[in-house]
Amino acid sequence: METHAGTEAKQRRGRRPAAEVRAEVLAAAAALMYADGLPAVTFERVAVRSGASKTTIYKWWPSPGALAAEAYFVTNKTELQFPDTGDLANDVRAQLRAFVQLLTQSGSGRIIAELIGTAQTDQDLSAAVSKHYTMPRRILAIRYFQQAVKRGQLRDDADLGLLVDQLWGACYNRLLIPDAPLDQKFADALVKNTLVGAASSTYRSLLLGT
């Protein structure tokens, strides 16, 4: 008679669901990246840590950089969510504060700096950063700003893509060029300075308290 332990062993040796294997590969890549930096993410090391075969990993990701980019986004997806309470300034301030905290207090700043830097010479990584990280977040912010236009909080002619660049681009600038602090005070000032220019006249009065 087969024992319970023997049955469990067979189950572990059997084919695992693809989603489970993929999640374990991403978790392994994230763990290596946060412990030892982007160069630590190799298919060999990820395979050993996750228990997945290198053949499977090669099938799903064109390069270790592409795997690292997706692992970074999956790991930080919750922290990067965009609140929507209907108050433009409060929502953007909350999101930027969370973003600044992520970059400065969790070790993620070093990782995203490595990803951005390496993406300049790695096409697979560049495409993965755009697909899994920067473009989804850009679209999310623009959709939020479109709702703010409908609510009368932003000018009808406001350039929403430029607004994203001004807000989040300024954070990346301070991360990559550390001439000035990247902190909560900066996030708050950035929101007020940027939104005053893009706000409708009515909402601008609320921001300025006039």
N, C-alpha and C. Protein backbone atom coordinates (compact mmCIF):
# COMPACT_ATOMS: atom_id res chain seq x y z
N MET A 1 0.85 -1.20 0.00
CA MET A 1 0.00 0.00 0.00
C MET A 1 0.89 1.25 0.00
N GLU A 2 0.54 2.19 -0.83
CA GLU A 2 1.34 3.41 -0.93
C GLU A 2 1.05 4.32 0.27
N THR A 3 2.09 4.84 0.88
CA THR A 3 1.92 5.71 2.04
C THR A 3 1.58 7.12 1.59
N HIS A 4 1.07 7.90 2.57
CA HIS A 4 0.75 9.30 2.29
C HIS A 4 1.99 10.06 1.86
N ALA A 5 3.12 9.78 2.55
CA ALA A 5 4.38 10.46 2.21
C ALA A 5 4.79 10.12 0.78
N GLY A 6 4.58 8.85 0.38
CA GLY A 6 4.94 8.46 -0.97
C GLY A 6 4.10 9.15 -2.01
N THR A 7 2.82 9.30 -1.70
CA THR A 7 1.93 10.02 -2.62
C THR A 7 2.36 11.46 -2.79
N GLU A 8 2.71 12.12 -1.64
CA GLU A 8 3.16 13.51 -1.71
C GLU A 8 4.43 13.63 -2.53
N ALA A 9 5.34 12.67 -2.38
CA ALA A 9 6.59 12.72 -3.13
C ALA A 9 6.32 12.63 -4.62
N LYS A 10 5.38 11.73 -5.01
CA LYS A 10 5.04 11.61 -6.41
C LYS A 10 4.44 12.90 -6.95
N GLN A 11 3.59 13.53 -6.12
CA GLN A 11 2.98 14.77 -6.54
C GLN A 11 4.03 15.85 -6.77
N ARG A 12 5.03 15.90 -5.87
CA ARG A 12 6.08 16.90 -6.03
C ARG A 12 6.91 16.64 -7.27
N ARG A 13 7.08 15.33 -7.61
CA ARG A 13 7.88 15.00 -8.79
C ARG A 13 7.10 15.18 -10.08
N GLY A 14 5.78 15.23 -9.98
CA GLY A 14 4.96 15.34 -11.17
C GLY A 14 5.02 16.73 -11.79
N ARG A 15 4.36 16.86 -12.92
CA ARG A 15 4.34 18.13 -13.62
C ARG A 15 3.52 19.13 -12.83
N ARG A 16 4.13 20.29 -12.54
CA ARG A 16 3.43 21.33 -11.81
C ARG A 16 2.69 22.25 -12.78
N PRO A 17 1.60 22.90 -12.35
CA PRO A 17 0.90 23.84 -13.22
C PRO A 17 1.84 24.94 -13.68
N ALA A 18 1.70 25.38 -14.92
CA ALA A 18 2.59 26.39 -15.48
C ALA A 18 2.56 27.67 -14.66
N ALA A 19 1.38 28.07 -14.20
CA ALA A 19 1.27 29.31 -13.43
C ALA A 19 2.07 29.22 -12.13
N GLU A 20 2.06 28.04 -11.52
CA GLU A 20 2.82 27.86 -10.28
C GLU A 20 4.31 27.94 -10.54
N VAL A 21 4.76 27.29 -11.59
CA VAL A 21 6.18 27.31 -11.94
C VAL A 21 6.61 28.74 -12.27
N ARG A 22 5.80 29.44 -13.05
CA ARG A 22 6.14 30.82 -13.44
C ARG A 22 6.25 31.71 -12.21
N ALA A 23 5.32 31.57 -11.27
CA ALA A 23 5.36 32.38 -10.06
C ALA A 23 6.62 32.09 -9.24
N GLU A 24 7.02 30.82 -9.18
CA GLU A 24 8.21 30.46 -8.42
C GLU A 24 9.47 30.98 -9.10
N VAL A 25 9.49 30.98 -10.42
CA VAL A 25 10.63 31.54 -11.16
C VAL A 25 10.75 33.03 -10.90
N LEU A 26 9.63 33.74 -10.96
CA LEU A 26 9.64 35.19 -10.72
C LEU A 26 10.07 35.49 -9.29
N ALA A 27 9.59 34.70 -8.34
CA ALA A 27 9.97 34.91 -6.94
C ALA A 27 11.47 34.66 -6.75
N ALA A 28 11.99 33.63 -7.41
CA ALA A 28 13.42 33.33 -7.30
C ALA A 28 14.25 34.45 -7.91
N ALA A 29 13.83 34.96 -9.05
CA ALA A 29 14.55 36.05 -9.70
C ALA A 29 14.55 37.30 -8.82
N ALA A 30 13.40 37.61 -8.22
CA ALA A 30 13.31 38.78 -7.35
C ALA A 30 14.21 38.63 -6.13
N ALA A 31 14.22 37.44 -5.54
CA ALA A 31 15.05 37.22 -4.36
C ALA A 31 16.53 37.40 -4.69
N LEU A 32 16.97 36.86 -5.81
CA LEU A 32 18.37 37.01 -6.22
C LEU A 32 18.71 38.47 -6.50
N MET A 33 17.79 39.16 -7.17
CA MET A 33 18.02 40.55 -7.55
C MET A 33 18.14 41.45 -6.33
N TYR A 34 17.25 41.27 -5.36
CA TYR A 34 17.28 42.11 -4.17
C TYR A 34 18.47 41.77 -3.26
N ALA A 35 18.92 40.54 -3.31
CA ALA A 35 20.04 40.14 -2.46
C ALA A 35 21.38 40.56 -3.05
N ASP A 36 21.55 40.36 -4.36
CA ASP A 36 22.88 40.53 -4.96
C ASP A 36 22.90 41.44 -6.19
N GLY A 37 21.76 42.08 -6.51
CA GLY A 37 21.75 42.99 -7.65
C GLY A 37 21.37 42.31 -8.95
N LEU A 38 21.16 43.13 -9.97
CA LEU A 38 20.71 42.63 -11.27
C LEU A 38 21.62 41.57 -11.88
N PRO A 39 22.95 41.69 -11.79
CA PRO A 39 23.82 40.66 -12.39
C PRO A 39 23.61 39.26 -11.81
N ALA A 40 23.02 39.18 -10.62
CA ALA A 40 22.79 37.87 -10.00
C ALA A 40 21.68 37.08 -10.68
N VAL A 41 20.87 37.76 -11.48
CA VAL A 41 19.75 37.08 -12.14
C VAL A 41 20.26 36.43 -13.42
N THR A 42 20.65 35.19 -13.30
CA THR A 42 21.02 34.38 -14.46
C THR A 42 20.05 33.21 -14.54
N PHE A 43 19.87 32.67 -15.73
CA PHE A 43 18.96 31.54 -15.86
C PHE A 43 19.42 30.35 -15.04
N GLU A 44 20.73 30.18 -14.92
CA GLU A 44 21.26 29.06 -14.16
C GLU A 44 20.90 29.18 -12.68
N ARG A 45 21.14 30.36 -12.11
CA ARG A 45 20.87 30.56 -10.69
C ARG A 45 19.37 30.52 -10.39
N VAL A 46 18.58 31.10 -11.29
CA VAL A 46 17.14 31.09 -11.09
C VAL A 46 16.60 29.67 -11.17
N ALA A 47 17.13 28.88 -12.09
CA ALA A 47 16.69 27.49 -12.23
C ALA A 47 16.97 26.70 -10.96
N VAL A 48 18.15 26.88 -10.40
CA VAL A 48 18.52 26.17 -9.18
C VAL A 48 17.61 26.59 -8.02
N ARG A 49 17.37 27.89 -7.90
CA ARG A 49 16.60 28.39 -6.77
C ARG A 49 15.11 28.04 -6.88
N SER A 50 14.58 28.05 -8.10
CA SER A 50 13.13 27.83 -8.28
C SER A 50 12.77 26.37 -8.50
N GLY A 51 13.73 25.57 -8.93
CA GLY A 51 13.43 24.18 -9.26
C GLY A 51 12.89 24.00 -10.66
N ALA A 52 12.80 25.09 -11.42
CA ALA A 52 12.34 25.01 -12.81
C ALA A 52 13.52 24.67 -13.71
N SER A 53 13.25 24.09 -14.86
CA SER A 53 14.32 23.77 -15.80
C SER A 53 14.74 25.01 -16.57
N LYS A 54 16.00 25.05 -16.98
CA LYS A 54 16.46 26.19 -17.79
C LYS A 54 15.72 26.23 -19.12
N THR A 55 15.33 25.08 -19.64
CA THR A 55 14.57 25.04 -20.90
C THR A 55 13.26 25.80 -20.75
N THR A 56 12.59 25.59 -19.64
CA THR A 56 11.32 26.28 -19.39
C THR A 56 11.54 27.78 -19.27
N ILE A 57 12.58 28.17 -18.55
CA ILE A 57 12.85 29.60 -18.37
C ILE A 57 13.21 30.25 -19.70
N TYR A 58 14.02 29.59 -20.51
CA TYR A 58 14.37 30.12 -21.84
C TYR A 58 13.12 30.27 -22.70
N LYS A 59 12.17 29.37 -22.53
CA LYS A 59 10.95 29.41 -23.34
C LYS A 59 10.09 30.63 -23.00
N TRP A 60 10.10 31.04 -21.73
CA TRP A 60 9.22 32.12 -21.28
C TRP A 60 9.87 33.51 -21.34
N TRP A 61 11.19 33.58 -21.22
CA TRP A 61 11.86 34.89 -21.21
C TRP A 61 13.03 34.90 -22.17
N PRO A 62 13.16 35.95 -23.00
CA PRO A 62 14.24 35.99 -23.98
C PRO A 62 15.62 36.25 -23.38
N SER A 63 15.65 36.80 -22.15
CA SER A 63 16.94 37.10 -21.52
C SER A 63 16.74 37.22 -20.01
N PRO A 64 17.83 37.09 -19.25
CA PRO A 64 17.72 37.28 -17.80
C PRO A 64 17.20 38.67 -17.44
N GLY A 65 17.57 39.67 -18.23
CA GLY A 65 17.10 41.03 -17.97
C GLY A 65 15.59 41.14 -18.09
N ALA A 66 15.03 40.50 -19.10
CA ALA A 66 13.57 40.52 -19.27
C ALA A 66 12.89 39.83 -18.09
N LEU A 67 13.46 38.74 -17.62
CA LEU A 67 12.93 38.06 -16.44
C LEU A 67 13.02 38.96 -15.22
N ALA A 68 14.12 39.64 -15.04
CA ALA A 68 14.31 40.52 -13.88
C ALA A 68 13.29 41.66 -13.88
N ALA A 69 13.05 42.24 -15.06
CA ALA A 69 12.10 43.35 -15.15
C ALA A 69 10.70 42.92 -14.73
N GLU A 70 10.27 41.75 -15.21
CA GLU A 70 8.94 41.27 -14.84
C GLU A 70 8.88 40.92 -13.36
N ALA A 71 9.96 40.35 -12.84
CA ALA A 71 10.00 40.00 -11.43
C ALA A 71 9.91 41.24 -10.56
N TYR A 72 10.55 42.31 -10.97
CA TYR A 72 10.50 43.57 -10.22
C TYR A 72 9.07 44.08 -10.16
N PHE A 73 8.38 44.10 -11.31
CA PHE A 73 7.02 44.64 -11.34
C PHE A 73 6.07 43.78 -10.51
N VAL A 74 6.15 42.47 -10.66
CA VAL A 74 5.26 41.58 -9.91
C VAL A 74 5.47 41.75 -8.41
N THR A 75 6.71 41.90 -7.99
CA THR A 75 7.03 42.05 -6.58
C THR A 75 6.45 43.33 -6.00
N ASN A 76 6.42 44.40 -6.81
CA ASN A 76 6.02 45.71 -6.30
C ASN A 76 4.66 46.18 -6.81
N LYS A 77 3.89 45.30 -7.40
CA LYS A 77 2.64 45.69 -8.02
C LYS A 77 1.68 46.34 -7.02
N THR A 78 1.57 45.78 -5.83
CA THR A 78 0.65 46.32 -4.84
C THR A 78 1.05 47.72 -4.42
N GLU A 79 2.34 47.95 -4.19
CA GLU A 79 2.82 49.25 -3.74
C GLU A 79 2.66 50.32 -4.82
N LEU A 80 2.54 49.91 -6.08
CA LEU A 80 2.47 50.86 -7.18
C LEU A 80 1.04 51.17 -7.61
N GLN A 81 0.06 50.69 -6.88
CA GLN A 81 -1.32 50.97 -7.23
C GLN A 81 -1.63 52.45 -7.09
N PHE A 82 -2.62 52.91 -7.87
CA PHE A 82 -2.96 54.33 -7.90
C PHE A 82 -4.30 54.52 -7.19
N PRO A 83 -4.34 55.26 -6.07
CA PRO A 83 -5.61 55.47 -5.36
C PRO A 83 -6.53 56.38 -6.17
N ASP A 84 -7.82 56.24 -5.99
CA ASP A 84 -8.78 57.11 -6.68
C ASP A 84 -9.93 57.43 -5.73
N THR A 85 -9.75 58.51 -4.96
CA THR A 85 -10.79 58.96 -4.05
C THR A 85 -11.61 60.09 -4.67
N GLY A 86 -11.17 60.57 -5.83
CA GLY A 86 -11.86 61.68 -6.46
C GLY A 86 -11.21 63.02 -6.20
N ASP A 87 -10.21 63.06 -5.31
CA ASP A 87 -9.49 64.31 -5.04
C ASP A 87 -8.11 64.23 -5.70
N LEU A 88 -7.94 65.00 -6.74
CA LEU A 88 -6.73 64.93 -7.56
C LEU A 88 -5.45 65.08 -6.75
N ALA A 89 -5.34 66.16 -6.00
CA ALA A 89 -4.09 66.43 -5.28
C ALA A 89 -3.81 65.36 -4.24
N ASN A 90 -4.82 64.96 -3.48
CA ASN A 90 -4.60 63.95 -2.45
C ASN A 90 -4.22 62.60 -3.05
N ASP A 91 -4.86 62.23 -4.15
CA ASP A 91 -4.56 60.94 -4.78
C ASP A 91 -3.15 60.91 -5.35
N VAL A 92 -2.80 61.96 -6.08
CA VAL A 92 -1.45 62.00 -6.68
C VAL A 92 -0.39 62.08 -5.59
N ARG A 93 -0.67 62.86 -4.55
CA ARG A 93 0.29 62.98 -3.44
C ARG A 93 0.48 61.61 -2.78
N ALA A 94 -0.61 60.89 -2.55
CA ALA A 94 -0.50 59.57 -1.92
C ALA A 94 0.30 58.61 -2.79
N GLN A 95 0.07 58.66 -4.10
CA GLN A 95 0.79 57.76 -4.99
C GLN A 95 2.27 58.11 -5.04
N LEU A 96 2.59 59.40 -5.14
CA LEU A 96 4.00 59.80 -5.20
C LEU A 96 4.72 59.52 -3.89
N ARG A 97 4.04 59.71 -2.78
CA ARG A 97 4.66 59.38 -1.49
C ARG A 97 4.98 57.89 -1.42
N ALA A 98 4.04 57.06 -1.86
CA ALA A 98 4.27 55.61 -1.85
C ALA A 98 5.42 55.25 -2.79
N PHE A 99 5.47 55.92 -3.93
CA PHE A 99 6.53 55.65 -4.91
C PHE A 99 7.89 56.06 -4.35
N VAL A 100 7.97 57.23 -3.74
CA VAL A 100 9.22 57.68 -3.15
C VAL A 100 9.66 56.75 -2.02
N GLN A 101 8.71 56.31 -1.21
CA GLN A 101 9.04 55.37 -0.13
C GLN A 101 9.57 54.06 -0.71
N LEU A 102 8.95 53.59 -1.78
CA LEU A 102 9.41 52.36 -2.42
C LEU A 102 10.85 52.52 -2.90
N LEU A 103 11.15 53.66 -3.50
CA LEU A 103 12.48 53.87 -4.07
C LEU A 103 13.56 54.09 -3.02
N THR A 104 13.17 54.60 -1.86
CA THR A 104 14.18 55.00 -0.88
C THR A 104 14.28 54.09 0.34
N GLN A 105 13.27 53.26 0.60
CA GLN A 105 13.28 52.53 1.86
C GLN A 105 13.20 51.01 1.72
N SER A 106 13.03 50.49 0.52
CA SER A 106 12.84 49.05 0.38
C SER A 106 13.95 48.36 -0.43
N GLY A 107 14.92 49.13 -0.88
CA GLY A 107 15.95 48.56 -1.75
C GLY A 107 15.56 48.54 -3.20
N SER A 108 14.31 48.95 -3.51
CA SER A 108 13.85 48.93 -4.89
C SER A 108 14.50 50.01 -5.73
N GLY A 109 14.91 51.12 -5.10
CA GLY A 109 15.56 52.19 -5.84
C GLY A 109 16.81 51.72 -6.56
N ARG A 110 17.63 50.94 -5.84
CA ARG A 110 18.85 50.41 -6.47
C ARG A 110 18.51 49.50 -7.63
N ILE A 111 17.47 48.70 -7.48
CA ILE A 111 17.10 47.77 -8.53
C ILE A 111 16.59 48.50 -9.76
N ILE A 112 15.68 49.45 -9.59
CA ILE A 112 15.13 50.14 -10.76
C ILE A 112 16.21 50.96 -11.44
N ALA A 113 17.16 51.49 -10.67
CA ALA A 113 18.28 52.22 -11.29
C ALA A 113 19.11 51.27 -12.15
N GLU A 114 19.35 50.06 -11.65
CA GLU A 114 20.10 49.07 -12.43
C GLU A 114 19.32 48.67 -13.68
N LEU A 115 18.01 48.48 -13.54
CA LEU A 115 17.19 48.09 -14.69
C LEU A 115 17.21 49.18 -15.77
N ILE A 116 17.03 50.44 -15.35
CA ILE A 116 17.02 51.54 -16.31
C ILE A 116 18.38 51.68 -16.98
N GLY A 117 19.44 51.58 -16.19
CA GLY A 117 20.78 51.71 -16.77
C GLY A 117 21.10 50.61 -17.76
N THR A 118 20.82 49.37 -17.39
CA THR A 118 21.13 48.23 -18.26
C THR A 118 20.23 48.22 -19.49
N ALA A 119 19.02 48.76 -19.36
CA ALA A 119 18.08 48.79 -20.49
C ALA A 119 18.59 49.62 -21.65
N GLN A 120 19.55 50.51 -21.39
CA GLN A 120 20.07 51.35 -22.46
C GLN A 120 20.85 50.53 -23.49
N THR A 121 21.35 49.37 -23.09
CA THR A 121 22.14 48.54 -24.01
C THR A 121 21.58 47.13 -24.16
N ASP A 122 20.44 46.85 -23.55
CA ASP A 122 19.83 45.52 -23.61
C ASP A 122 18.40 45.69 -24.14
N GLN A 123 18.17 45.37 -25.40
CA GLN A 123 16.87 45.59 -26.02
C GLN A 123 15.77 44.75 -25.38
N ASP A 124 16.10 43.51 -25.03
CA ASP A 124 15.09 42.65 -24.39
C ASP A 124 14.68 43.23 -23.04
N LEU A 125 15.64 43.70 -22.28
CA LEU A 125 15.34 44.29 -20.98
C LEU A 125 14.55 45.58 -21.16
N SER A 126 14.94 46.40 -22.12
CA SER A 126 14.23 47.66 -22.39
C SER A 126 12.76 47.40 -22.71
N ALA A 127 12.52 46.41 -23.57
CA ALA A 127 11.15 46.08 -23.95
C ALA A 127 10.37 45.55 -22.76
N ALA A 128 11.02 44.76 -21.90
CA ALA A 128 10.35 44.19 -20.74
C ALA A 128 10.03 45.27 -19.70
N VAL A 129 10.95 46.22 -19.49
CA VAL A 129 10.69 47.32 -18.55
C VAL A 129 9.48 48.11 -19.01
N SER A 130 9.42 48.38 -20.32
CA SER A 130 8.27 49.13 -20.86
C SER A 130 6.98 48.33 -20.72
N LYS A 131 7.03 47.05 -21.10
CA LYS A 131 5.81 46.22 -21.10
C LYS A 131 5.27 45.98 -19.70
N HIS A 132 6.16 45.64 -18.78
CA HIS A 132 5.70 45.19 -17.46
C HIS A 132 5.70 46.29 -16.40
N TYR A 133 6.42 47.38 -16.65
CA TYR A 133 6.59 48.36 -15.58
C TYR A 133 6.18 49.78 -15.98
N THR A 134 6.93 50.41 -16.88
CA THR A 134 6.70 51.83 -17.11
C THR A 134 5.41 52.12 -17.89
N MET A 135 5.14 51.36 -18.95
CA MET A 135 3.96 51.66 -19.76
C MET A 135 2.65 51.38 -19.02
N PRO A 136 2.51 50.24 -18.32
CA PRO A 136 1.26 50.04 -17.56
C PRO A 136 1.01 51.15 -16.54
N ARG A 137 2.07 51.60 -15.87
CA ARG A 137 1.91 52.66 -14.88
C ARG A 137 1.59 53.99 -15.55
N ARG A 138 2.17 54.24 -16.71
CA ARG A 138 1.88 55.47 -17.45
C ARG A 138 0.41 55.50 -17.87
N ILE A 139 -0.06 54.38 -18.40
CA ILE A 139 -1.46 54.30 -18.84
C ILE A 139 -2.40 54.49 -17.65
N LEU A 140 -2.06 53.88 -16.52
CA LEU A 140 -2.88 54.01 -15.32
C LEU A 140 -2.99 55.47 -14.89
N ALA A 141 -1.86 56.17 -14.89
CA ALA A 141 -1.87 57.58 -14.48
C ALA A 141 -2.66 58.44 -15.46
N ILE A 142 -2.47 58.21 -16.76
CA ILE A 142 -3.19 59.00 -17.76
C ILE A 142 -4.69 58.78 -17.64
N ARG A 143 -5.10 57.54 -17.42
CA ARG A 143 -6.54 57.27 -17.24
C ARG A 143 -7.08 57.99 -16.02
N TYR A 144 -6.29 58.03 -14.96
CA TYR A 144 -6.73 58.78 -13.78
C TYR A 144 -6.87 60.26 -14.12
N PHE A 145 -5.90 60.82 -14.82
CA PHE A 145 -5.95 62.24 -15.16
C PHE A 145 -7.12 62.55 -16.11
N GLN A 146 -7.45 61.60 -16.96
CA GLN A 146 -8.62 61.80 -17.83
C GLN A 146 -9.89 61.95 -17.00
N GLN A 147 -9.99 61.19 -15.94
CA GLN A 147 -11.13 61.32 -15.04
C GLN A 147 -11.10 62.67 -14.31
N ALA A 148 -9.88 63.12 -13.98
CA ALA A 148 -9.74 64.41 -13.32
C ALA A 148 -10.17 65.55 -14.25
N VAL A 149 -9.93 65.39 -15.55
CA VAL A 149 -10.40 66.38 -16.52
C VAL A 149 -11.93 66.40 -16.52
N LYS A 150 -12.53 65.22 -16.53
CA LYS A 150 -14.00 65.12 -16.53
C LYS A 150 -14.59 65.72 -15.26
N ARG A 151 -13.87 65.61 -14.14
CA ARG A 151 -14.36 66.17 -12.89
C ARG A 151 -14.14 67.67 -12.80
N GLY A 152 -13.46 68.24 -13.80
CA GLY A 152 -13.21 69.67 -13.79
C GLY A 152 -12.02 70.08 -12.94
N GLN A 153 -11.14 69.11 -12.60
CA GLN A 153 -9.99 69.42 -11.77
C GLN A 153 -8.75 69.77 -12.60
N LEU A 154 -8.70 69.31 -13.84
CA LEU A 154 -7.60 69.64 -14.74
C LEU A 154 -8.16 70.39 -15.95
N ARG A 155 -7.32 71.24 -16.54
CA ARG A 155 -7.72 71.96 -17.74
C ARG A 155 -8.03 70.99 -18.87
N ASP A 156 -8.96 71.32 -19.72
CA ASP A 156 -9.31 70.47 -20.86
C ASP A 156 -8.13 70.28 -21.81
N ASP A 157 -7.26 71.30 -21.88
CA ASP A 157 -6.13 71.23 -22.82
C ASP A 157 -4.83 70.76 -22.16
N ALA A 158 -4.92 70.27 -20.92
CA ALA A 158 -3.71 69.81 -20.23
C ALA A 158 -3.10 68.62 -20.97
N ASP A 159 -1.78 68.63 -21.13
CA ASP A 159 -1.06 67.52 -21.76
C ASP A 159 -0.83 66.45 -20.69
N LEU A 160 -1.63 65.40 -20.71
CA LEU A 160 -1.61 64.42 -19.63
C LEU A 160 -0.34 63.57 -19.63
N GLY A 161 0.18 63.27 -20.82
CA GLY A 161 1.44 62.53 -20.89
C GLY A 161 2.58 63.35 -20.32
N LEU A 162 2.58 64.65 -20.61
CA LEU A 162 3.61 65.53 -20.07
C LEU A 162 3.49 65.64 -18.55
N LEU A 163 2.26 65.61 -18.06
CA LEU A 163 2.04 65.66 -16.62
C LEU A 163 2.66 64.44 -15.93
N VAL A 164 2.51 63.28 -16.55
CA VAL A 164 3.16 62.07 -16.02
C VAL A 164 4.67 62.24 -16.00
N ASP A 165 5.23 62.78 -17.09
CA ASP A 165 6.68 62.98 -17.16
C ASP A 165 7.16 63.94 -16.07
N GLN A 166 6.41 65.01 -15.85
CA GLN A 166 6.81 66.00 -14.86
C GLN A 166 6.80 65.42 -13.45
N LEU A 167 5.79 64.65 -13.12
CA LEU A 167 5.66 64.13 -11.76
C LEU A 167 6.60 62.96 -11.50
N TRP A 168 6.43 61.88 -12.24
CA TRP A 168 7.24 60.68 -11.97
C TRP A 168 8.65 60.82 -12.54
N GLY A 169 8.77 61.55 -13.65
CA GLY A 169 10.10 61.77 -14.22
C GLY A 169 11.01 62.52 -13.25
N ALA A 170 10.45 63.45 -12.51
CA ALA A 170 11.25 64.19 -11.52
C ALA A 170 11.76 63.26 -10.42
N CYS A 171 10.94 62.27 -10.05
CA CYS A 171 11.39 61.30 -9.04
C CYS A 171 12.53 60.44 -9.57
N TYR A 172 12.39 59.98 -10.81
CA TYR A 172 13.47 59.19 -11.41
C TYR A 172 14.75 60.03 -11.53
N ASN A 173 14.59 61.32 -11.84
CA ASN A 173 15.75 62.19 -11.98
C ASN A 173 16.52 62.26 -10.67
N ARG A 174 15.80 62.41 -9.56
CA ARG A 174 16.49 62.50 -8.27
C ARG A 174 17.04 61.15 -7.82
N LEU A 175 16.43 60.07 -8.29
CA LEU A 175 16.97 58.75 -7.99
C LEU A 175 18.29 58.53 -8.72
N LEU A 176 18.32 58.89 -9.99
CA LEU A 176 19.49 58.60 -10.82
C LEU A 176 20.58 59.66 -10.71
N ILE A 177 20.19 60.90 -10.39
CA ILE A 177 21.15 61.99 -10.25
C ILE A 177 20.98 62.56 -8.84
N PRO A 178 21.67 62.02 -7.88
CA PRO A 178 21.39 62.34 -6.46
C PRO A 178 21.99 63.66 -6.01
N ASP A 179 21.67 64.75 -6.72
CA ASP A 179 22.16 66.07 -6.32
C ASP A 179 21.27 66.70 -5.25
N ALA A 180 20.04 66.19 -5.11
CA ALA A 180 19.09 66.72 -4.14
C ALA A 180 18.30 65.55 -3.58
N PRO A 181 17.74 65.72 -2.38
CA PRO A 181 17.07 64.58 -1.73
C PRO A 181 15.79 64.14 -2.41
N LEU A 182 15.57 62.84 -2.41
CA LEU A 182 14.32 62.24 -2.86
C LEU A 182 13.58 61.79 -1.61
N ASP A 183 12.62 62.59 -1.18
CA ASP A 183 11.93 62.31 0.08
C ASP A 183 10.47 62.77 0.02
N GLN A 184 9.76 62.59 1.11
CA GLN A 184 8.34 62.93 1.15
C GLN A 184 8.10 64.42 0.96
N LYS A 185 8.97 65.25 1.50
CA LYS A 185 8.83 66.69 1.34
C LYS A 185 8.92 67.07 -0.13
N PHE A 186 9.83 66.44 -0.84
CA PHE A 186 9.96 66.68 -2.27
C PHE A 186 8.70 66.24 -3.00
N ALA A 187 8.16 65.08 -2.65
CA ALA A 187 6.94 64.58 -3.30
C ALA A 187 5.79 65.55 -3.14
N ASP A 188 5.61 66.08 -1.93
CA ASP A 188 4.52 67.01 -1.68
C ASP A 188 4.69 68.31 -2.47
N ALA A 189 5.90 68.85 -2.49
CA ALA A 189 6.15 70.08 -3.22
C ALA A 189 5.99 69.87 -4.71
N LEU A 190 6.41 68.72 -5.19
CA LEU A 190 6.30 68.40 -6.61
C LEU A 190 4.85 68.36 -7.06
N VAL A 191 3.99 67.74 -6.26
CA VAL A 191 2.57 67.67 -6.60
C VAL A 191 1.96 69.06 -6.69
N LYS A 192 2.22 69.88 -5.69
CA LYS A 192 1.63 71.22 -5.68
C LYS A 192 2.15 72.05 -6.84
N ASN A 193 3.46 72.07 -7.05
CA ASN A 193 4.05 72.89 -8.11
C ASN A 193 3.55 72.47 -9.48
N THR A 194 3.43 71.15 -9.70
CA THR A 194 3.03 70.65 -11.02
C THR A 194 1.55 70.86 -11.27
N LEU A 195 0.73 70.53 -10.29
CA LEU A 195 -0.71 70.60 -10.50
C LEU A 195 -1.24 72.02 -10.58
N VAL A 196 -0.56 72.98 -9.97
CA VAL A 196 -1.02 74.37 -10.07
C VAL A 196 -1.04 74.82 -11.53
N GLY A 197 -0.06 74.39 -12.30
CA GLY A 197 -0.02 74.77 -13.70
C GLY A 197 -1.04 74.06 -14.56
N ALA A 198 -1.39 72.82 -14.21
CA ALA A 198 -2.29 72.03 -15.04
C ALA A 198 -3.74 72.09 -14.56
N ALA A 199 -3.96 72.58 -13.35
CA ALA A 199 -5.30 72.56 -12.78
C ALA A 199 -6.24 73.55 -13.46
N SER A 200 -7.53 73.26 -13.41
CA SER A 200 -8.53 74.21 -13.86
C SER A 200 -8.48 75.41 -12.91
N SER A 201 -9.03 76.53 -13.34
CA SER A 201 -8.98 77.73 -12.51
C SER A 201 -9.67 77.51 -11.17
N THR A 202 -10.78 76.76 -11.19
CA THR A 202 -11.51 76.50 -9.94
C THR A 202 -10.69 75.62 -8.99
N TYR A 203 -10.13 74.54 -9.53
CA TYR A 203 -9.37 73.64 -8.67
C TYR A 203 -8.05 74.27 -8.25
N ARG A 204 -7.48 75.13 -9.08
CA ARG A 204 -6.25 75.83 -8.71
C ARG A 204 -6.48 76.70 -7.47
N SER A 205 -7.63 77.32 -7.39
CA SER A 205 -7.95 78.14 -6.23
C SER A 205 -7.98 77.29 -4.96
N LEU A 206 -8.48 76.06 -5.07
CA LEU A 206 -8.50 75.17 -3.93
C LEU A 206 -7.09 74.77 -3.52
N LEU A 207 -6.24 74.49 -4.51
CA LEU A 207 -4.86 74.10 -4.20
C LEU A 207 -4.11 75.22 -3.51
N LEU A 208 -4.36 76.46 -3.95
CA LEU A 208 -3.63 77.60 -3.41
C LEU A 208 -4.32 78.21 -2.19
N GLY A 209 -5.51 77.71 -1.91
CA GLY A 209 -6.24 78.22 -0.76
C GLY A 209 -6.74 79.63 -0.94
N THR A 210 -7.07 80.00 -2.19
CA THR A 210 -7.55 81.36 -2.47
C THR A 210 -9.01 81.32 -2.94
